[in-house]
């Protein structure tokens, strides 16, 4: 595994989230944006949103999202490995993905296996590999393989 970035190292030491705990989008938003009013729309209602150097990822596993999209994401709790797809047509030309690959954005993974509003926090991911134009059933996308780091 490549060395973790300075951003990831700092984030591990100050991580406000706890592995295995459940959170709603609204609670995660309030932790990431203290004192700001919750707005249910925008990126916080989709698969991922940024807050400072955090990339907050809301990952569905084994189910479609509320829009019907299903990217066949997966998580192996024994190896702590994640396979995750960005939105349709995501690519390295987008700042989110170029910053993620460069280690400037720190990915925090929240997963759910049903349509309840709670997500389980899996941890901070470290990119192992990625593929652009991955042929998902939803169209071409970025496909990343990551490993959750120990806190």
N, C-alpha and C. Protein backbone atom coordinates (compact mmCIF):
# COMPACT_ATOMS: atom_id res chain seq x y z
N UNK A 1 0.85 -1.17 0.00
CA UNK A 1 0.00 0.00 0.00
C UNK A 1 0.90 1.24 0.00
N UNK A 2 0.57 2.20 -0.82
CA UNK A 2 1.30 3.46 -0.86
C UNK A 2 1.20 4.16 0.48
N UNK A 3 2.13 5.07 0.74
CA UNK A 3 2.05 5.86 1.97
C UNK A 3 0.78 6.69 1.96
N UNK A 4 0.20 6.85 3.14
CA UNK A 4 -1.00 7.67 3.21
C UNK A 4 -0.60 9.14 3.18
N UNK A 5 -1.48 9.95 2.64
CA UNK A 5 -1.19 11.38 2.52
C UNK A 5 -1.21 12.06 3.88
N UNK A 6 -0.62 13.22 3.92
CA UNK A 6 -0.61 14.02 5.14
C UNK A 6 -2.04 14.36 5.55
N UNK A 7 -2.92 14.64 4.57
CA UNK A 7 -4.32 14.95 4.85
C UNK A 7 -5.01 13.78 5.54
N UNK A 8 -4.78 12.58 5.05
CA UNK A 8 -5.41 11.40 5.66
C UNK A 8 -4.88 11.19 7.07
N UNK A 9 -3.58 11.33 7.23
CA UNK A 9 -2.98 11.15 8.55
C UNK A 9 -3.57 12.13 9.57
N UNK A 10 -3.71 13.39 9.19
CA UNK A 10 -4.32 14.39 10.08
C UNK A 10 -5.77 14.04 10.39
N UNK A 11 -6.49 13.59 9.36
CA UNK A 11 -7.92 13.28 9.53
C UNK A 11 -8.13 12.09 10.45
N UNK A 12 -7.26 11.10 10.39
CA UNK A 12 -7.36 9.95 11.28
C UNK A 12 -7.27 10.42 12.74
N UNK A 13 -6.35 11.34 13.00
CA UNK A 13 -6.14 11.81 14.38
C UNK A 13 -7.26 12.69 14.91
N UNK A 14 -8.04 13.30 14.01
CA UNK A 14 -9.12 14.19 14.47
C UNK A 14 -10.50 13.74 13.99
N UNK A 15 -10.63 12.47 13.65
CA UNK A 15 -11.87 11.94 13.08
C UNK A 15 -13.02 12.03 14.08
N UNK A 16 -14.09 12.75 13.72
CA UNK A 16 -15.24 12.86 14.63
C UNK A 16 -16.19 11.66 14.57
N UNK A 17 -15.98 10.76 13.60
CA UNK A 17 -16.87 9.62 13.41
C UNK A 17 -16.26 8.36 14.03
N UNK A 18 -17.13 7.44 14.45
CA UNK A 18 -16.68 6.19 15.07
C UNK A 18 -17.15 5.00 14.24
N UNK A 19 -16.21 4.11 13.93
CA UNK A 19 -16.53 2.92 13.14
C UNK A 19 -17.63 2.12 13.80
N UNK A 20 -18.57 1.66 12.96
CA UNK A 20 -19.68 0.84 13.43
C UNK A 20 -20.87 1.62 13.96
N UNK A 21 -20.69 2.92 14.22
CA UNK A 21 -21.81 3.76 14.68
C UNK A 21 -22.69 4.11 13.49
N UNK A 22 -23.98 4.36 13.75
CA UNK A 22 -24.89 4.75 12.68
C UNK A 22 -25.18 6.25 12.76
N UNK A 23 -25.34 6.82 11.58
CA UNK A 23 -25.57 8.26 11.43
C UNK A 23 -26.58 8.49 10.31
N UNK A 24 -27.36 9.57 10.43
CA UNK A 24 -28.20 10.02 9.32
C UNK A 24 -27.42 11.09 8.55
N UNK A 25 -27.87 11.40 7.35
CA UNK A 25 -27.23 12.47 6.57
C UNK A 25 -27.23 13.78 7.36
N UNK A 26 -28.35 14.06 8.03
CA UNK A 26 -28.47 15.32 8.76
C UNK A 26 -27.46 15.40 9.91
N UNK A 27 -27.27 14.31 10.61
CA UNK A 27 -26.29 14.30 11.71
C UNK A 27 -24.87 14.46 11.16
N UNK A 28 -24.57 13.76 10.08
CA UNK A 28 -23.24 13.88 9.47
C UNK A 28 -23.00 15.32 9.02
N UNK A 29 -24.02 15.91 8.39
CA UNK A 29 -23.91 17.31 7.95
C UNK A 29 -23.61 18.23 9.13
N UNK A 30 -24.34 18.04 10.24
CA UNK A 30 -24.14 18.92 11.40
C UNK A 30 -22.76 18.75 12.01
N UNK A 31 -22.20 17.56 11.96
CA UNK A 31 -20.84 17.32 12.46
C UNK A 31 -19.82 18.00 11.55
N UNK A 32 -20.04 17.91 10.26
CA UNK A 32 -19.10 18.49 9.28
C UNK A 32 -19.25 20.00 9.12
N UNK A 33 -20.42 20.51 9.43
CA UNK A 33 -20.72 21.93 9.22
C UNK A 33 -21.39 22.52 10.46
N UNK A 34 -20.66 22.59 11.58
CA UNK A 34 -21.29 23.05 12.82
C UNK A 34 -21.86 24.46 12.68
N UNK A 35 -23.08 24.60 13.21
CA UNK A 35 -23.73 25.91 13.21
C UNK A 35 -24.43 26.27 11.91
N UNK A 36 -24.27 25.45 10.87
CA UNK A 36 -24.94 25.74 9.60
C UNK A 36 -26.28 25.02 9.54
N UNK A 37 -27.22 25.66 8.86
CA UNK A 37 -28.57 25.11 8.73
C UNK A 37 -28.57 23.95 7.72
N UNK A 38 -29.20 22.87 8.11
CA UNK A 38 -29.34 21.69 7.26
C UNK A 38 -30.21 22.01 6.05
N UNK A 39 -29.70 21.67 4.88
CA UNK A 39 -30.46 21.82 3.65
C UNK A 39 -30.57 20.42 3.05
N UNK A 40 -31.77 19.86 3.01
CA UNK A 40 -31.92 18.47 2.60
C UNK A 40 -31.57 18.20 1.15
N UNK A 41 -31.42 19.23 0.34
CA UNK A 41 -31.14 19.00 -1.07
C UNK A 41 -29.65 19.05 -1.39
N UNK A 42 -29.36 19.22 -2.66
CA UNK A 42 -27.97 19.35 -3.10
C UNK A 42 -27.18 18.07 -2.94
N UNK A 43 -25.85 18.19 -2.90
CA UNK A 43 -25.01 17.01 -2.85
C UNK A 43 -25.22 16.13 -1.61
N UNK A 44 -25.70 16.71 -0.52
CA UNK A 44 -25.92 15.92 0.69
C UNK A 44 -27.09 14.95 0.54
N UNK A 45 -27.87 15.08 -0.51
CA UNK A 45 -28.98 14.16 -0.77
C UNK A 45 -28.59 13.11 -1.81
N UNK A 46 -27.33 13.15 -2.26
CA UNK A 46 -26.87 12.22 -3.31
C UNK A 46 -25.81 11.28 -2.74
N UNK A 47 -25.03 10.69 -3.61
CA UNK A 47 -24.04 9.69 -3.22
C UNK A 47 -22.84 10.21 -2.47
N UNK A 48 -22.48 11.48 -2.68
CA UNK A 48 -21.33 12.02 -1.97
C UNK A 48 -21.34 13.53 -1.97
N UNK A 49 -20.69 14.08 -0.94
CA UNK A 49 -20.61 15.53 -0.77
C UNK A 49 -19.26 15.85 -0.13
N UNK A 50 -18.80 17.07 -0.33
CA UNK A 50 -17.55 17.49 0.30
C UNK A 50 -17.82 18.49 1.41
N UNK A 51 -16.92 18.47 2.37
CA UNK A 51 -16.92 19.44 3.46
C UNK A 51 -15.46 19.63 3.85
N UNK A 52 -14.88 20.77 3.47
CA UNK A 52 -13.46 20.98 3.69
C UNK A 52 -12.68 19.93 2.91
N UNK A 53 -11.80 19.21 3.61
CA UNK A 53 -11.03 18.16 2.93
C UNK A 53 -11.67 16.77 3.05
N UNK A 54 -12.91 16.72 3.56
CA UNK A 54 -13.63 15.45 3.69
C UNK A 54 -14.49 15.19 2.45
N UNK A 55 -14.42 13.96 1.95
CA UNK A 55 -15.38 13.49 0.95
C UNK A 55 -16.27 12.51 1.69
N UNK A 56 -17.52 12.92 1.93
CA UNK A 56 -18.48 12.09 2.65
C UNK A 56 -19.21 11.24 1.62
N UNK A 57 -19.05 9.92 1.73
CA UNK A 57 -19.61 9.00 0.75
C UNK A 57 -20.75 8.20 1.38
N UNK A 58 -21.93 8.33 0.78
CA UNK A 58 -23.12 7.59 1.20
C UNK A 58 -23.27 6.42 0.23
N UNK A 59 -22.88 5.23 0.66
CA UNK A 59 -22.79 4.08 -0.22
C UNK A 59 -23.90 3.08 0.07
N UNK A 60 -24.64 2.73 -0.96
CA UNK A 60 -25.64 1.66 -0.85
C UNK A 60 -24.98 0.35 -1.27
N UNK A 61 -25.23 -0.70 -0.50
CA UNK A 61 -24.67 -2.01 -0.82
C UNK A 61 -25.81 -3.01 -0.95
N UNK A 62 -25.93 -3.60 -2.13
CA UNK A 62 -26.96 -4.60 -2.37
C UNK A 62 -28.34 -4.03 -2.61
N UNK A 63 -28.43 -2.71 -2.67
CA UNK A 63 -29.72 -2.05 -2.93
C UNK A 63 -29.50 -0.87 -3.86
N UNK A 64 -30.55 -0.46 -4.52
CA UNK A 64 -30.51 0.74 -5.35
C UNK A 64 -30.70 1.96 -4.47
N UNK A 65 -30.16 3.08 -4.93
CA UNK A 65 -30.40 4.34 -4.23
C UNK A 65 -31.81 4.82 -4.49
N UNK A 66 -32.17 5.96 -3.91
CA UNK A 66 -33.54 6.47 -4.04
C UNK A 66 -33.88 6.84 -5.48
N UNK A 67 -32.86 7.08 -6.32
CA UNK A 67 -33.09 7.40 -7.73
C UNK A 67 -33.13 6.15 -8.60
N UNK A 68 -32.93 4.98 -7.97
CA UNK A 68 -32.95 3.72 -8.71
C UNK A 68 -31.58 3.28 -9.19
N UNK A 69 -30.55 4.10 -9.01
CA UNK A 69 -29.20 3.74 -9.45
C UNK A 69 -28.61 2.67 -8.53
N UNK A 70 -27.94 1.69 -9.14
CA UNK A 70 -27.28 0.64 -8.38
C UNK A 70 -25.91 0.40 -9.01
N UNK A 71 -24.86 0.75 -8.29
CA UNK A 71 -23.49 0.65 -8.83
C UNK A 71 -22.74 -0.59 -8.35
N UNK A 72 -23.42 -1.50 -7.68
CA UNK A 72 -22.81 -2.74 -7.23
C UNK A 72 -21.59 -2.48 -6.34
N UNK A 73 -21.77 -1.56 -5.38
CA UNK A 73 -20.72 -1.29 -4.40
C UNK A 73 -20.60 -2.48 -3.46
N UNK A 74 -19.42 -2.64 -2.84
CA UNK A 74 -19.26 -3.74 -1.90
C UNK A 74 -18.29 -3.38 -0.78
N UNK A 75 -18.44 -4.11 0.32
CA UNK A 75 -17.55 -3.95 1.46
C UNK A 75 -17.30 -5.31 2.07
N UNK A 76 -16.04 -5.65 2.31
CA UNK A 76 -15.68 -6.90 2.96
C UNK A 76 -15.19 -6.56 4.37
N UNK A 77 -15.96 -6.87 5.41
CA UNK A 77 -15.56 -6.48 6.76
C UNK A 77 -14.29 -7.19 7.25
N UNK A 78 -13.98 -8.37 6.72
CA UNK A 78 -12.78 -9.09 7.15
C UNK A 78 -11.50 -8.42 6.62
N UNK A 79 -11.50 -8.09 5.34
CA UNK A 79 -10.32 -7.45 4.74
C UNK A 79 -10.39 -5.93 4.83
N UNK A 80 -11.59 -5.40 5.17
CA UNK A 80 -11.86 -3.96 5.24
C UNK A 80 -11.74 -3.29 3.86
N UNK A 81 -11.93 -4.08 2.80
CA UNK A 81 -11.82 -3.53 1.45
C UNK A 81 -13.18 -3.12 0.91
N UNK A 82 -13.15 -2.00 0.19
CA UNK A 82 -14.34 -1.41 -0.41
C UNK A 82 -14.15 -1.35 -1.91
N UNK A 83 -15.20 -1.66 -2.66
CA UNK A 83 -15.26 -1.35 -4.09
C UNK A 83 -16.40 -0.38 -4.24
N UNK A 84 -16.10 0.80 -4.77
CA UNK A 84 -17.06 1.89 -4.82
C UNK A 84 -17.01 2.59 -6.18
N UNK A 85 -18.20 2.93 -6.69
CA UNK A 85 -18.30 3.67 -7.95
C UNK A 85 -18.81 5.08 -7.68
N UNK A 86 -18.24 6.03 -8.42
CA UNK A 86 -18.77 7.39 -8.41
C UNK A 86 -20.06 7.43 -9.21
N UNK A 87 -20.59 8.61 -9.37
CA UNK A 87 -21.81 8.77 -10.15
C UNK A 87 -21.53 8.49 -11.63
N UNK A 88 -22.58 8.25 -12.40
CA UNK A 88 -22.44 8.03 -13.83
C UNK A 88 -21.66 9.17 -14.46
N UNK A 89 -20.72 8.82 -15.33
CA UNK A 89 -19.84 9.75 -16.05
C UNK A 89 -18.81 10.44 -15.16
N UNK A 90 -18.63 9.98 -13.91
CA UNK A 90 -17.55 10.55 -13.10
C UNK A 90 -16.22 10.17 -13.74
N UNK A 91 -15.23 11.05 -13.58
CA UNK A 91 -13.94 10.83 -14.24
C UNK A 91 -12.84 11.64 -13.56
N UNK A 92 -11.60 11.38 -13.96
CA UNK A 92 -10.45 12.06 -13.36
C UNK A 92 -10.38 13.54 -13.70
N UNK A 93 -11.11 13.99 -14.71
CA UNK A 93 -11.15 15.40 -15.06
C UNK A 93 -11.96 16.22 -14.05
N UNK A 94 -12.70 15.54 -13.18
CA UNK A 94 -13.49 16.23 -12.15
C UNK A 94 -12.64 16.42 -10.90
N UNK A 95 -12.74 17.61 -10.34
CA UNK A 95 -11.92 17.97 -9.17
C UNK A 95 -12.08 16.98 -8.03
N UNK A 96 -13.29 16.52 -7.78
CA UNK A 96 -13.52 15.56 -6.69
C UNK A 96 -12.61 14.35 -6.86
N UNK A 97 -12.56 13.78 -8.05
CA UNK A 97 -11.79 12.55 -8.25
C UNK A 97 -10.30 12.81 -8.40
N UNK A 98 -9.92 13.91 -9.02
CA UNK A 98 -8.48 14.21 -9.10
C UNK A 98 -7.92 14.49 -7.70
N UNK A 99 -8.68 15.22 -6.86
CA UNK A 99 -8.24 15.49 -5.49
C UNK A 99 -8.25 14.23 -4.64
N UNK A 100 -9.21 13.35 -4.85
CA UNK A 100 -9.28 12.09 -4.11
C UNK A 100 -8.05 11.23 -4.42
N UNK A 101 -7.73 11.08 -5.69
CA UNK A 101 -6.59 10.26 -6.11
C UNK A 101 -5.27 10.88 -5.61
N UNK A 102 -5.20 12.20 -5.61
CA UNK A 102 -3.99 12.90 -5.16
C UNK A 102 -3.83 12.91 -3.64
N UNK A 103 -4.84 12.44 -2.91
CA UNK A 103 -4.77 12.42 -1.45
C UNK A 103 -5.14 13.74 -0.80
N UNK A 104 -5.74 14.65 -1.57
CA UNK A 104 -6.14 15.94 -1.03
C UNK A 104 -7.52 15.90 -0.37
N UNK A 105 -8.34 14.96 -0.81
CA UNK A 105 -9.64 14.72 -0.19
C UNK A 105 -9.57 13.42 0.59
N UNK A 106 -10.16 13.40 1.77
CA UNK A 106 -10.14 12.22 2.64
C UNK A 106 -11.52 11.56 2.57
N UNK A 107 -11.61 10.34 2.01
CA UNK A 107 -12.92 9.69 1.88
C UNK A 107 -13.39 9.02 3.16
N UNK A 108 -14.57 9.44 3.62
CA UNK A 108 -15.23 8.83 4.78
C UNK A 108 -16.40 8.02 4.24
N UNK A 109 -16.41 6.72 4.52
CA UNK A 109 -17.44 5.84 3.98
C UNK A 109 -18.53 5.53 4.98
N UNK A 110 -19.77 5.80 4.55
CA UNK A 110 -20.98 5.49 5.30
C UNK A 110 -21.80 4.55 4.41
N UNK A 111 -22.18 3.39 4.93
CA UNK A 111 -22.87 2.40 4.10
C UNK A 111 -24.20 2.00 4.71
N UNK A 112 -25.10 1.57 3.83
CA UNK A 112 -26.36 0.98 4.29
C UNK A 112 -26.71 -0.17 3.36
N UNK A 113 -27.44 -1.12 3.93
CA UNK A 113 -27.83 -2.33 3.22
C UNK A 113 -29.35 -2.42 3.09
N UNK A 114 -30.04 -1.32 3.42
CA UNK A 114 -31.50 -1.24 3.30
C UNK A 114 -31.86 0.21 3.00
N UNK A 115 -33.12 0.52 2.91
CA UNK A 115 -33.53 1.88 2.57
C UNK A 115 -33.84 2.75 3.79
N UNK A 116 -33.36 2.35 4.94
CA UNK A 116 -33.51 3.16 6.15
C UNK A 116 -32.62 4.40 6.03
N UNK A 117 -32.92 5.46 6.77
CA UNK A 117 -32.11 6.68 6.64
C UNK A 117 -30.74 6.61 7.32
N UNK A 118 -30.50 5.58 8.15
CA UNK A 118 -29.23 5.48 8.85
C UNK A 118 -28.17 4.78 8.01
N UNK A 119 -26.94 5.30 8.12
CA UNK A 119 -25.78 4.71 7.47
C UNK A 119 -24.79 4.30 8.55
N UNK A 120 -24.11 3.19 8.36
CA UNK A 120 -23.08 2.73 9.29
C UNK A 120 -21.73 3.26 8.81
N UNK A 121 -20.99 3.84 9.73
CA UNK A 121 -19.68 4.38 9.38
C UNK A 121 -18.67 3.24 9.27
N UNK A 122 -18.03 3.12 8.10
CA UNK A 122 -17.04 2.07 7.85
C UNK A 122 -15.63 2.54 8.16
N UNK A 123 -15.37 3.83 7.93
CA UNK A 123 -14.04 4.36 8.20
C UNK A 123 -13.52 5.23 7.07
N UNK A 124 -12.26 5.59 7.21
CA UNK A 124 -11.54 6.39 6.21
C UNK A 124 -10.91 5.43 5.21
N UNK A 125 -11.17 5.68 3.93
CA UNK A 125 -10.63 4.80 2.90
C UNK A 125 -9.31 5.31 2.34
N UNK A 126 -8.45 4.37 2.01
CA UNK A 126 -7.19 4.67 1.33
C UNK A 126 -7.26 4.01 -0.05
N UNK A 127 -7.07 4.81 -1.10
CA UNK A 127 -7.20 4.30 -2.47
C UNK A 127 -6.08 3.31 -2.77
N UNK A 128 -6.48 2.12 -3.21
CA UNK A 128 -5.55 1.08 -3.64
C UNK A 128 -5.39 1.15 -5.17
N UNK A 129 -6.54 1.25 -5.86
CA UNK A 129 -6.51 1.34 -7.32
C UNK A 129 -7.80 1.99 -7.80
N UNK A 130 -7.80 2.39 -9.06
CA UNK A 130 -8.99 2.99 -9.65
C UNK A 130 -9.02 2.71 -11.14
N UNK A 131 -10.22 2.79 -11.69
CA UNK A 131 -10.41 2.59 -13.12
C UNK A 131 -11.40 3.62 -13.62
N UNK A 132 -11.00 4.33 -14.64
CA UNK A 132 -11.88 5.29 -15.29
C UNK A 132 -12.69 4.55 -16.35
N UNK A 133 -13.90 5.05 -16.65
CA UNK A 133 -14.78 4.43 -17.64
C UNK A 133 -15.14 2.99 -17.30
N UNK A 134 -15.33 2.72 -16.03
CA UNK A 134 -15.76 1.40 -15.60
C UNK A 134 -17.17 1.18 -16.13
N UNK A 135 -17.43 0.04 -16.78
CA UNK A 135 -18.75 -0.17 -17.41
C UNK A 135 -19.81 -0.67 -16.44
N UNK A 136 -20.34 0.22 -15.60
CA UNK A 136 -21.40 -0.18 -14.66
C UNK A 136 -22.73 -0.28 -15.41
N UNK A 137 -23.71 -0.88 -14.78
CA UNK A 137 -25.04 -0.99 -15.40
C UNK A 137 -25.69 0.38 -15.54
N UNK A 138 -25.15 1.40 -14.85
CA UNK A 138 -25.68 2.76 -14.92
C UNK A 138 -24.95 3.61 -15.95
N UNK A 139 -23.93 3.05 -16.59
CA UNK A 139 -23.12 3.78 -17.55
C UNK A 139 -21.69 3.89 -17.05
N UNK A 140 -20.81 4.51 -17.84
CA UNK A 140 -19.40 4.59 -17.44
C UNK A 140 -19.22 5.42 -16.17
N UNK A 141 -18.31 4.99 -15.33
CA UNK A 141 -18.09 5.64 -14.05
C UNK A 141 -16.66 5.41 -13.58
N UNK A 142 -16.28 6.08 -12.51
CA UNK A 142 -15.02 5.79 -11.82
C UNK A 142 -15.28 4.63 -10.86
N UNK A 143 -14.41 3.65 -10.86
CA UNK A 143 -14.51 2.52 -9.93
C UNK A 143 -13.24 2.51 -9.10
N UNK A 144 -13.38 2.61 -7.80
CA UNK A 144 -12.23 2.64 -6.91
C UNK A 144 -12.23 1.44 -5.99
N UNK A 145 -11.04 0.94 -5.74
CA UNK A 145 -10.83 -0.08 -4.71
C UNK A 145 -10.06 0.61 -3.61
N UNK A 146 -10.57 0.47 -2.39
CA UNK A 146 -9.98 1.15 -1.24
C UNK A 146 -9.90 0.18 -0.06
N UNK A 147 -9.11 0.56 0.91
CA UNK A 147 -9.05 -0.19 2.17
C UNK A 147 -9.31 0.80 3.28
N UNK A 148 -10.20 0.43 4.21
CA UNK A 148 -10.46 1.25 5.38
C UNK A 148 -9.27 1.16 6.32
N UNK A 149 -8.80 2.31 6.75
CA UNK A 149 -7.65 2.37 7.65
C UNK A 149 -8.11 2.24 9.09
N UNK A 150 -7.24 1.70 9.93
CA UNK A 150 -7.54 1.60 11.35
C UNK A 150 -7.47 2.97 11.98
N UNK A 151 -8.33 3.23 12.95
CA UNK A 151 -8.27 4.51 13.67
C UNK A 151 -7.31 4.40 14.83
